[in-house]
């Protein structure tokens, strides 16, 4: 009669190494293939509005991006639309932390390699280095922590690989990770924060001080990179405070101090105010401001219901372009009915946070994030939506369910491919070409 232990040991060993080899392979293929297939670097306002400040800080020691009329303009300033006038000074409206990181990198490249952003031939090498370190590397780090988070709840390596593959090949994140933007590092920081929050609050990792500090650091980076997305780490922080009040308040606060100091310190030095300039509408409306008479997609005047439909299931809809994310809806239902009781309140609060975020964007914006692929302000929500479907990925048994997920995934992969080819620009979505017509 066979020995049961002799039969199960090879399987355990196999599943043990497979649990790490399979996600490592997915991450490597996703990161490398996206970088290799990138058609080129896009140099638009999201780049120039930051590079103008980077150049001014390194070469002139100031946040100002204007010059007196008798001097040549600061490089990139004339190409910016995201700029404001504060106390008579022309400044970029971009939040400071990503710009400060870019400034540090450019300072070293300028000091060691002699690169100069004012020279046309140096622009793309410098920008390529920034994209590599701040976006592509962030994409890789985010996927590693997303895989670690999934492994906390799904033991089967093949099922755990599904949401990881969807994140790496069927979402907007790989496309945007190949261009300079704040959403990619924000999404990566969110994935790091959620890993530590879920590992600690679920009891799957011991409550060590460094884990709370790591949560605080990554949560503060989410705040600094993409303020609205902070709503998700706020929910996670509440869960940690509820279970570990002392450790969270002490160590997470200490961990968050450096990014918060850089954020608020940068705002104060640049504007003399701790409020983001986005909360000060008047500073946008200076005499020659683009925002006095916006054009194209920035001048849309759709009804709020139309806008809501278009960012969810319409021409820019996150669930239309990436229907694999609809599993989050099914996953929430499955978690509430059959999931662990301790997970029900966090799931409800996270779902509520996504609804609040949607309401905020519908109420306060009208241009879908400008000329970009899909509704780019949802990029930080993508890993959250996939995590909400975790129980569905683990327990899906029906053939029809697998068929629907397969079709949704194929559509999402195609959208991800389109996004990789042109994350910036209007009417690049297949939904605009085939279903709803152009935005403008």
Protein backbone atom coordinates (compact mmCIF):
# COMPACT_ATOMS: atom_id res chain seq x y z
CA UNK A 1 0.00 0.00 0.00
CA UNK A 2 1.48 3.42 -0.95
CA UNK A 3 2.69 5.70 1.78
CA UNK A 4 0.44 8.85 1.79
CA UNK A 5 3.32 11.06 2.89
CA UNK A 6 5.42 9.90 -0.07
CA UNK A 7 2.59 10.87 -2.44
CA UNK A 8 1.93 14.33 -0.99
CA UNK A 9 5.50 15.51 -0.47
CA UNK A 10 6.36 15.97 -4.17
CA UNK A 11 3.12 17.89 -4.68
CA UNK A 12 3.88 20.18 -1.75
CA UNK A 13 7.40 20.79 -2.99
CA UNK A 14 6.09 21.44 -6.50
CA UNK A 15 3.44 23.87 -5.35
CA UNK A 16 5.99 25.54 -3.07
CA UNK A 17 8.44 26.54 -5.79
CA UNK A 18 5.63 27.11 -8.26
CA UNK A 19 4.07 29.68 -5.93
CA UNK A 20 7.08 31.93 -6.52
CA UNK A 21 8.33 30.86 -9.95
CA UNK A 22 5.02 31.42 -11.72
CA UNK A 23 4.42 35.00 -10.47
CA UNK A 24 8.08 35.83 -11.05
CA UNK A 25 7.75 34.72 -14.67
CA UNK A 26 4.53 36.71 -15.16
CA UNK A 27 6.08 39.85 -13.65
CA UNK A 28 9.25 39.53 -15.74
CA UNK A 29 7.35 39.00 -19.00
CA UNK A 30 4.90 41.84 -18.26
CA UNK A 31 7.58 44.36 -17.33
CA UNK A 32 10.06 43.48 -20.08
CA UNK A 33 7.54 43.06 -22.89
CA UNK A 34 5.79 46.35 -22.12
CA UNK A 35 9.14 48.17 -22.16
CA UNK A 36 10.26 46.51 -25.39
CA UNK A 37 6.94 47.12 -27.18
CA UNK A 38 6.72 50.80 -26.24
CA UNK A 39 6.58 52.73 -29.53
CA UNK A 40 8.45 55.73 -28.11
CA UNK A 41 8.34 58.48 -25.51
CA UNK A 42 5.49 60.96 -25.49
CA UNK A 43 6.52 64.50 -24.59
CA UNK A 44 3.33 66.36 -23.73
CA UNK A 45 2.11 68.57 -20.94
CA UNK A 46 2.42 65.91 -18.25
CA UNK A 47 6.15 65.89 -19.05
CA UNK A 48 6.87 69.53 -19.90
CA UNK A 49 4.96 70.94 -16.93
CA UNK A 50 7.28 69.00 -14.63
CA UNK A 51 10.51 69.42 -16.60
CA UNK A 52 10.10 73.20 -16.56
CA UNK A 53 10.25 73.12 -12.76
CA UNK A 54 13.08 70.55 -12.77
CA UNK A 55 15.17 72.80 -15.01
CA UNK A 56 14.43 75.90 -12.91
CA UNK A 57 15.31 74.15 -9.65
CA UNK A 58 18.61 72.72 -10.91
CA UNK A 59 19.87 75.65 -12.95
CA UNK A 60 18.33 78.63 -11.17
CA UNK A 61 17.47 77.37 -7.69
CA UNK A 62 13.84 78.47 -7.90
CA UNK A 63 10.37 77.01 -8.38
CA UNK A 64 9.52 79.85 -10.78
CA UNK A 65 9.21 78.84 -14.42
CA UNK A 66 9.01 82.38 -15.83
CA UNK A 67 11.69 84.83 -16.94
CA UNK A 68 11.55 88.59 -17.45
CA UNK A 69 10.35 89.58 -20.91
CA UNK A 70 13.87 90.58 -22.06
CA UNK A 71 15.25 87.06 -21.38
CA UNK A 72 14.62 83.77 -23.21
CA UNK A 73 11.84 81.70 -21.57
CA UNK A 74 12.60 78.81 -19.23
CA UNK A 75 12.84 75.60 -21.31
CA UNK A 76 9.46 73.81 -21.59
CA UNK A 77 7.48 76.72 -20.04
CA UNK A 78 5.87 77.76 -23.32
CA UNK A 79 4.70 74.17 -23.89
CA UNK A 80 2.87 73.97 -20.54
CA UNK A 81 -0.84 74.43 -19.94
CA UNK A 82 -0.75 73.13 -16.35
CA UNK A 83 0.64 76.31 -14.82
CA UNK A 84 -0.61 78.89 -12.36
CA UNK A 85 0.29 82.35 -11.11
CA UNK A 86 0.82 82.58 -7.35
CA UNK A 87 1.96 85.87 -5.81
CA UNK A 88 2.94 87.11 -9.25
CA UNK A 89 5.08 84.02 -9.94
CA UNK A 90 4.44 81.55 -12.74
CA UNK A 91 4.59 77.97 -11.41
CA UNK A 92 3.77 74.48 -12.58
CA UNK A 93 0.54 73.21 -11.03
CA UNK A 94 1.94 69.70 -10.57
CA UNK A 95 2.33 68.42 -6.96
CA UNK A 96 5.93 68.65 -5.72
CA UNK A 97 7.12 65.15 -4.75
CA UNK A 98 7.42 63.52 -8.18
CA UNK A 99 8.98 66.73 -9.47
CA UNK A 100 11.51 66.68 -6.61
CA UNK A 101 12.45 63.08 -7.41
CA UNK A 102 12.93 64.04 -11.06
CA UNK A 103 15.00 67.03 -9.95
CA UNK A 104 17.31 64.82 -7.88
CA UNK A 105 17.84 62.46 -10.81
CA UNK A 106 18.46 65.27 -13.26
CA UNK A 107 20.89 66.98 -10.89
CA UNK A 108 22.99 63.80 -10.75
CA UNK A 109 22.80 63.27 -14.52
CA UNK A 110 23.80 66.89 -15.07
CA UNK A 111 26.62 66.77 -12.50
CA UNK A 112 28.09 63.39 -13.48
CA UNK A 113 27.18 63.00 -17.13
CA UNK A 114 26.94 66.61 -18.26
CA UNK A 115 23.38 66.20 -19.53
CA UNK A 116 21.48 69.44 -20.11
CA UNK A 117 17.73 69.57 -20.66
CA UNK A 118 18.16 72.73 -22.70
CA UNK A 119 19.95 70.63 -25.34
CA UNK A 120 17.53 68.84 -27.61
CA UNK A 121 19.78 65.77 -27.95
CA UNK A 122 19.86 65.28 -24.16
CA UNK A 123 16.11 65.42 -23.55
CA UNK A 124 15.19 61.86 -24.51
CA UNK A 125 18.08 60.12 -22.69
CA UNK A 126 17.23 62.05 -19.50
CA UNK A 127 13.51 61.38 -19.88
CA UNK A 128 14.15 57.68 -20.62
CA UNK A 129 16.12 57.37 -17.37
CA UNK A 130 13.30 59.04 -15.41
CA UNK A 131 10.67 56.78 -16.95
CA UNK A 132 12.80 53.73 -16.17
CA UNK A 133 13.40 54.59 -12.52
CA UNK A 134 10.12 56.29 -11.60
CA UNK A 135 7.53 54.44 -13.71
CA UNK A 136 8.82 51.15 -15.12
CA UNK A 137 10.55 50.23 -11.87
CA UNK A 138 7.43 51.26 -9.95
CA UNK A 139 5.38 48.98 -12.19
CA UNK A 140 7.66 46.04 -11.34
CA UNK A 141 7.64 46.77 -7.59
CA UNK A 142 3.88 47.17 -7.59
CA UNK A 143 3.40 43.82 -9.32
CA UNK A 144 5.69 42.09 -6.80
CA UNK A 145 3.65 43.37 -3.87
CA UNK A 146 0.37 42.67 -5.66
CA UNK A 147 1.51 39.07 -6.13
CA UNK A 148 2.44 38.89 -2.45
CA UNK A 149 -0.99 40.24 -1.49
CA UNK A 150 -2.80 37.72 -3.66
CA UNK A 151 -0.73 34.88 -2.15
CA UNK A 152 -2.07 35.82 1.30
CA UNK A 153 -5.56 34.73 0.23
CA UNK A 154 -5.17 32.29 -2.69
CA UNK A 155 -3.00 29.24 -2.09
CA UNK A 156 -3.41 27.65 -5.52
CA UNK A 157 -0.56 29.12 -7.61
CA UNK A 158 -2.46 28.84 -10.89
CA UNK A 159 -5.49 30.68 -9.56
CA UNK A 160 -3.28 33.27 -7.85
CA UNK A 161 -1.64 33.89 -11.22
CA UNK A 162 -4.92 35.01 -12.82
CA UNK A 163 -5.35 38.44 -11.18
CA UNK A 164 -1.59 39.05 -11.44
CA UNK A 165 -1.67 38.35 -15.18
CA UNK A 166 -4.71 40.60 -15.57
CA UNK A 167 -2.87 43.43 -13.82
CA UNK A 168 0.22 42.95 -16.00
CA UNK A 169 -1.40 42.34 -19.39
CA UNK A 170 -5.07 43.39 -19.25
CA UNK A 171 -5.09 46.75 -17.47
CA UNK A 172 -4.03 50.33 -18.29
CA UNK A 173 -1.12 50.16 -15.82
CA UNK A 174 1.53 48.60 -18.15
CA UNK A 175 0.78 51.16 -20.87
CA UNK A 176 1.08 54.17 -18.61
CA UNK A 177 4.18 52.70 -16.96
CA UNK A 178 6.09 53.32 -20.19
CA UNK A 179 5.51 57.07 -20.07
CA UNK A 180 6.20 59.68 -17.40
CA UNK A 181 3.17 60.14 -15.15
CA UNK A 182 2.22 60.23 -11.47
CA UNK A 183 -0.42 57.50 -11.60
CA UNK A 184 1.98 54.58 -12.06
CA UNK A 185 4.09 55.25 -8.93
CA UNK A 186 0.87 56.05 -7.04
CA UNK A 187 -0.63 52.68 -8.00
CA UNK A 188 2.63 50.93 -7.04
CA UNK A 189 2.73 52.66 -3.65
CA UNK A 190 -0.92 51.70 -3.14
CA UNK A 191 -0.12 48.03 -3.82
CA UNK A 192 2.70 48.16 -1.27
CA UNK A 193 0.45 49.83 1.32
CA UNK A 194 -2.38 47.34 0.78
CA UNK A 195 -0.01 44.40 1.16
CA UNK A 196 1.18 45.52 4.59
CA UNK A 197 -2.31 46.59 5.69
CA UNK A 198 -3.94 43.31 4.69
CA UNK A 199 -1.08 41.15 5.97
CA UNK A 200 -1.22 42.83 9.38
CA UNK A 201 -4.99 43.22 9.76
CA UNK A 202 -5.65 39.60 8.70
CA UNK A 203 -3.06 38.27 11.14
CA UNK A 204 -1.07 36.58 8.36
CA UNK A 205 2.07 38.54 9.26
CA UNK A 206 3.23 39.41 12.80
CA UNK A 207 2.83 43.07 13.86
CA UNK A 208 6.45 44.21 13.58
CA UNK A 209 7.27 47.92 13.82
CA UNK A 210 8.94 47.99 10.40
CA UNK A 211 5.77 46.71 8.72
CA UNK A 212 3.72 49.58 10.15
CA UNK A 213 6.45 52.02 9.10
CA UNK A 214 6.47 50.55 5.58
CA UNK A 215 2.70 50.98 5.43
CA UNK A 216 3.01 54.61 6.55
CA UNK A 217 5.74 55.33 4.00
CA UNK A 218 3.85 53.83 1.05
CA UNK A 219 0.52 55.36 2.13
CA UNK A 220 2.12 58.81 2.30
CA UNK A 221 3.57 58.30 -1.19
CA UNK A 222 0.08 57.54 -2.49
CA UNK A 223 -1.05 60.84 -0.96
CA UNK A 224 1.89 62.71 -2.50
CA UNK A 225 1.55 61.18 -5.98
CA UNK A 226 -2.23 60.98 -6.44
CA UNK A 227 -4.27 62.63 -3.68
CA UNK A 228 -7.77 61.24 -4.51
CA UNK A 229 -6.47 57.64 -4.51
CA UNK A 230 -5.55 58.14 -0.85
CA UNK A 231 -9.13 57.19 0.02
CA UNK A 232 -8.15 53.52 -0.29
CA UNK A 233 -5.18 53.75 2.06
CA UNK A 234 -7.35 55.77 4.46
CA UNK A 235 -9.71 52.78 4.71
CA UNK A 236 -6.72 50.48 5.25
CA UNK A 237 -5.32 52.80 7.92
CA UNK A 238 -8.63 52.76 9.79
CA UNK A 239 -8.55 48.96 9.83
CA UNK A 240 -5.02 49.00 11.24
CA UNK A 241 -5.85 51.64 13.86
CA UNK A 242 -8.85 49.57 14.95
CA UNK A 243 -6.75 46.44 15.47
CA UNK A 244 -3.33 47.91 16.36
CA UNK A 245 -3.92 51.49 17.54
CA UNK A 246 -0.60 52.08 19.28
CA UNK A 247 1.70 50.54 16.66
CA UNK A 248 -0.16 52.19 13.81
CA UNK A 249 -0.22 55.67 15.32
CA UNK A 250 3.45 55.55 16.28
CA UNK A 251 5.24 53.63 13.55
CA UNK A 252 2.99 54.37 10.57
CA UNK A 253 3.14 58.06 11.44
CA UNK A 254 6.94 57.93 11.60
CA UNK A 255 7.07 56.07 8.28
CA UNK A 256 4.88 58.68 6.60
CA UNK A 257 6.87 61.67 7.82
CA UNK A 258 9.45 62.00 5.03
CA UNK A 259 7.04 61.97 2.03
CA UNK A 260 4.64 64.28 3.86
CA UNK A 261 7.47 66.66 4.76
CA UNK A 262 8.60 66.72 1.12
CA UNK A 263 5.03 67.30 -0.08
CA UNK A 264 4.05 70.08 2.29
CA UNK A 265 7.53 71.57 2.37
CA UNK A 266 7.59 71.72 -1.42
CA UNK A 267 4.16 73.35 -1.53
CA UNK A 268 5.18 75.94 1.05
CA UNK A 269 8.46 76.80 -0.67
CA UNK A 270 6.77 77.03 -4.08
CA UNK A 271 3.51 78.76 -3.19
CA UNK A 272 3.68 79.94 0.43
CA UNK A 273 0.59 77.82 1.13
CA UNK A 274 0.05 74.25 2.31
CA UNK A 275 -3.01 73.77 0.11
CA UNK A 276 -2.61 72.17 -3.33
CA UNK A 277 -3.08 74.74 -6.08
CA UNK A 278 -5.93 72.58 -7.41
CA UNK A 279 -7.92 73.83 -4.41
CA UNK A 280 -7.28 77.46 -5.41
CA UNK A 281 -9.18 77.96 -8.65
CA UNK A 282 -8.32 81.64 -8.96
CA UNK A 283 -4.61 80.95 -9.51
CA UNK A 284 -5.42 79.21 -12.82
CA UNK A 285 -7.24 82.19 -14.29
CA UNK A 286 -4.35 84.58 -14.95
CA UNK A 287 -4.50 86.73 -18.07
CA UNK A 288 -2.92 84.36 -20.61
CA UNK A 289 -4.11 81.11 -19.00
CA UNK A 290 -5.24 78.29 -21.27
CA UNK A 291 -7.97 77.54 -18.76
CA UNK A 292 -9.76 80.83 -19.48
CA UNK A 293 -10.69 79.45 -22.91
CA UNK A 294 -10.00 75.70 -22.93
CA UNK A 295 -10.20 73.78 -26.18
CA UNK A 296 -11.21 70.32 -27.36
CA UNK A 297 -11.76 67.73 -24.66
CA UNK A 298 -11.06 70.31 -21.95
CA UNK A 299 -14.08 72.32 -23.09
CA UNK A 300 -16.64 69.50 -22.78
CA UNK A 301 -19.98 70.37 -21.23
CA UNK A 302 -21.71 67.00 -20.90
CA UNK A 303 -24.38 66.27 -18.35
CA UNK A 304 -23.13 64.60 -15.19
CA UNK A 305 -25.14 61.44 -15.90
CA UNK A 306 -23.58 61.17 -19.35
CA UNK A 307 -20.15 61.72 -17.85
CA UNK A 308 -20.80 59.05 -15.20
CA UNK A 309 -21.86 56.57 -17.87
CA UNK A 310 -18.85 57.35 -20.05
CA UNK A 311 -16.26 56.84 -17.29
CA UNK A 312 -17.77 53.51 -16.22
CA UNK A 313 -19.46 51.76 -19.16
CA UNK A 314 -19.27 54.27 -22.01
CA UNK A 315 -16.59 55.45 -24.42
CA UNK A 316 -13.98 55.93 -21.67
CA UNK A 317 -15.49 53.36 -19.35
CA UNK A 318 -13.12 51.42 -17.12
CA UNK A 319 -15.51 48.45 -17.18
CA UNK A 320 -16.05 48.76 -20.94
CA UNK A 321 -12.40 48.97 -21.95
CA UNK A 322 -11.26 46.54 -19.24
CA UNK A 323 -14.27 44.27 -18.60
CA UNK A 324 -12.14 41.82 -16.61
CA UNK A 325 -12.53 44.36 -13.78
CA UNK A 326 -16.24 43.58 -13.62
CA UNK A 327 -15.20 40.51 -11.63
CA UNK A 328 -14.86 42.94 -8.73
CA UNK A 329 -18.64 43.27 -8.63
CA UNK A 330 -19.05 39.49 -8.56
CA UNK A 331 -16.18 39.21 -6.09
CA UNK A 332 -17.82 41.63 -3.66
CA UNK A 333 -21.00 39.57 -3.74
CA UNK A 334 -19.05 36.36 -3.19
CA UNK A 335 -17.03 37.85 -0.33
CA UNK A 336 -20.12 39.17 1.42
CA UNK A 337 -21.98 35.86 1.13
CA UNK A 338 -19.22 33.29 1.61
CA UNK A 339 -16.08 35.14 2.67
CA UNK A 340 -14.56 35.27 6.16
CA UNK A 341 -16.73 37.40 8.49
CA UNK A 342 -13.81 39.65 9.39
CA UNK A 343 -13.41 40.63 5.72
CA UNK A 344 -16.97 41.82 5.17
CA UNK A 345 -16.67 45.28 6.71
CA UNK A 346 -13.38 46.11 4.86
CA UNK A 347 -14.98 44.96 1.58
CA UNK A 348 -18.03 47.16 2.14
CA UNK A 349 -15.86 50.14 3.06
CA UNK A 350 -13.58 49.64 0.05
CA UNK A 351 -16.56 49.40 -2.29
CA UNK A 352 -17.97 52.54 -0.72
CA UNK A 353 -14.60 54.27 -1.22
CA UNK A 354 -14.69 53.47 -4.95
CA UNK A 355 -18.21 54.90 -5.16
CA UNK A 356 -17.12 58.06 -3.31
CA UNK A 357 -14.13 58.43 -5.63
CA UNK A 358 -16.41 58.12 -8.65
CA UNK A 359 -18.81 60.72 -7.29
CA UNK A 360 -15.91 63.06 -6.62
CA UNK A 361 -14.59 62.78 -10.16
CA UNK A 362 -18.03 63.20 -11.72
CA UNK A 363 -18.71 66.28 -9.63
CA UNK A 364 -15.33 67.99 -9.97
CA UNK A 365 -14.07 67.10 -13.49
CA UNK A 366 -15.39 67.18 -17.04
CA UNK A 367 -12.56 66.15 -19.39
CA UNK A 368 -11.86 62.46 -18.65
CA UNK A 369 -8.34 63.31 -17.52
CA UNK A 370 -7.54 65.19 -20.72
CA UNK A 371 -6.36 63.60 -23.93
CA UNK A 372 -5.49 60.20 -22.50
CA UNK A 373 -6.46 56.57 -22.95
CA UNK A 374 -9.60 55.78 -20.97
CA UNK A 375 -10.36 57.51 -17.69
CA UNK A 376 -6.80 57.74 -16.40
CA UNK A 377 -7.83 58.85 -12.91
CA UNK A 378 -9.07 55.30 -12.30
CA UNK A 379 -5.57 53.82 -12.74
CA UNK A 380 -5.01 53.66 -8.98
CA UNK A 381 -8.32 51.84 -8.55
CA UNK A 382 -7.34 48.94 -10.83
CA UNK A 383 -5.44 46.83 -8.23
CA UNK A 384 -8.20 47.51 -5.70
CA UNK A 385 -10.88 46.26 -8.08
CA UNK A 386 -8.89 43.11 -8.81
CA UNK A 387 -8.35 42.47 -5.10
CA UNK A 388 -12.09 42.73 -4.51
CA UNK A 389 -12.49 39.78 -6.88
CA UNK A 390 -10.00 37.61 -5.00
CA UNK A 391 -12.57 35.08 -3.74
CA UNK A 392 -14.06 34.69 -7.20
CA UNK A 393 -10.64 33.89 -8.68
CA UNK A 394 -10.11 31.30 -5.95
CA UNK A 395 -13.51 29.61 -6.18
CA UNK A 396 -14.66 29.93 -9.77
CA UNK A 397 -15.84 26.49 -10.84
CA UNK A 398 -18.40 26.96 -13.62
CA UNK A 399 -17.49 26.50 -17.26
CA UNK A 400 -19.69 29.46 -18.26
CA UNK A 401 -17.90 31.63 -15.69
CA UNK A 402 -14.50 30.73 -17.12
CA UNK A 403 -15.78 31.49 -20.62
CA UNK A 404 -17.03 34.93 -19.59
CA UNK A 405 -13.78 35.69 -17.78
CA UNK A 406 -11.82 34.57 -20.85
CA UNK A 407 -13.76 36.83 -23.22
CA UNK A 408 -13.54 39.77 -20.80
CA UNK A 409 -9.81 39.19 -20.45
CA UNK A 410 -9.22 39.13 -24.22
CA UNK A 411 -11.05 42.43 -24.64
CA UNK A 412 -9.04 43.86 -21.76
CA UNK A 413 -5.75 42.66 -23.26
CA UNK A 414 -6.62 44.43 -26.51
CA UNK A 415 -7.41 47.65 -24.64
CA UNK A 416 -4.13 47.31 -22.74
CA UNK A 417 -2.32 46.95 -26.08
CA UNK A 418 -4.00 50.11 -27.41
CA UNK A 419 -3.08 51.94 -24.22
CA UNK A 420 0.55 50.85 -24.55
CA UNK A 421 0.67 52.19 -28.11
CA UNK A 422 -0.84 55.58 -27.24
CA UNK A 423 -1.64 56.35 -23.59
CA UNK A 424 -1.82 60.07 -24.45
CA UNK A 425 -4.07 61.46 -27.15
CA UNK A 426 -7.78 61.70 -27.92
CA UNK A 427 -10.08 59.06 -29.45
CA UNK A 428 -7.56 56.22 -29.47
CA UNK A 429 -9.99 53.84 -27.74
CA UNK A 430 -11.74 51.14 -29.76
CA UNK A 431 -14.94 52.21 -28.02
CA UNK A 432 -14.67 55.60 -29.73
CA UNK A 433 -14.01 54.06 -33.13
CA UNK A 434 -16.58 51.26 -33.06
CA UNK A 435 -19.36 52.17 -30.64
CA UNK A 436 -19.76 55.70 -29.35
CA UNK A 437 -17.92 57.95 -31.76
CA UNK A 438 -15.17 60.46 -30.92
CA UNK A 439 -15.21 62.46 -27.71
CA UNK A 440 -14.99 65.75 -29.60
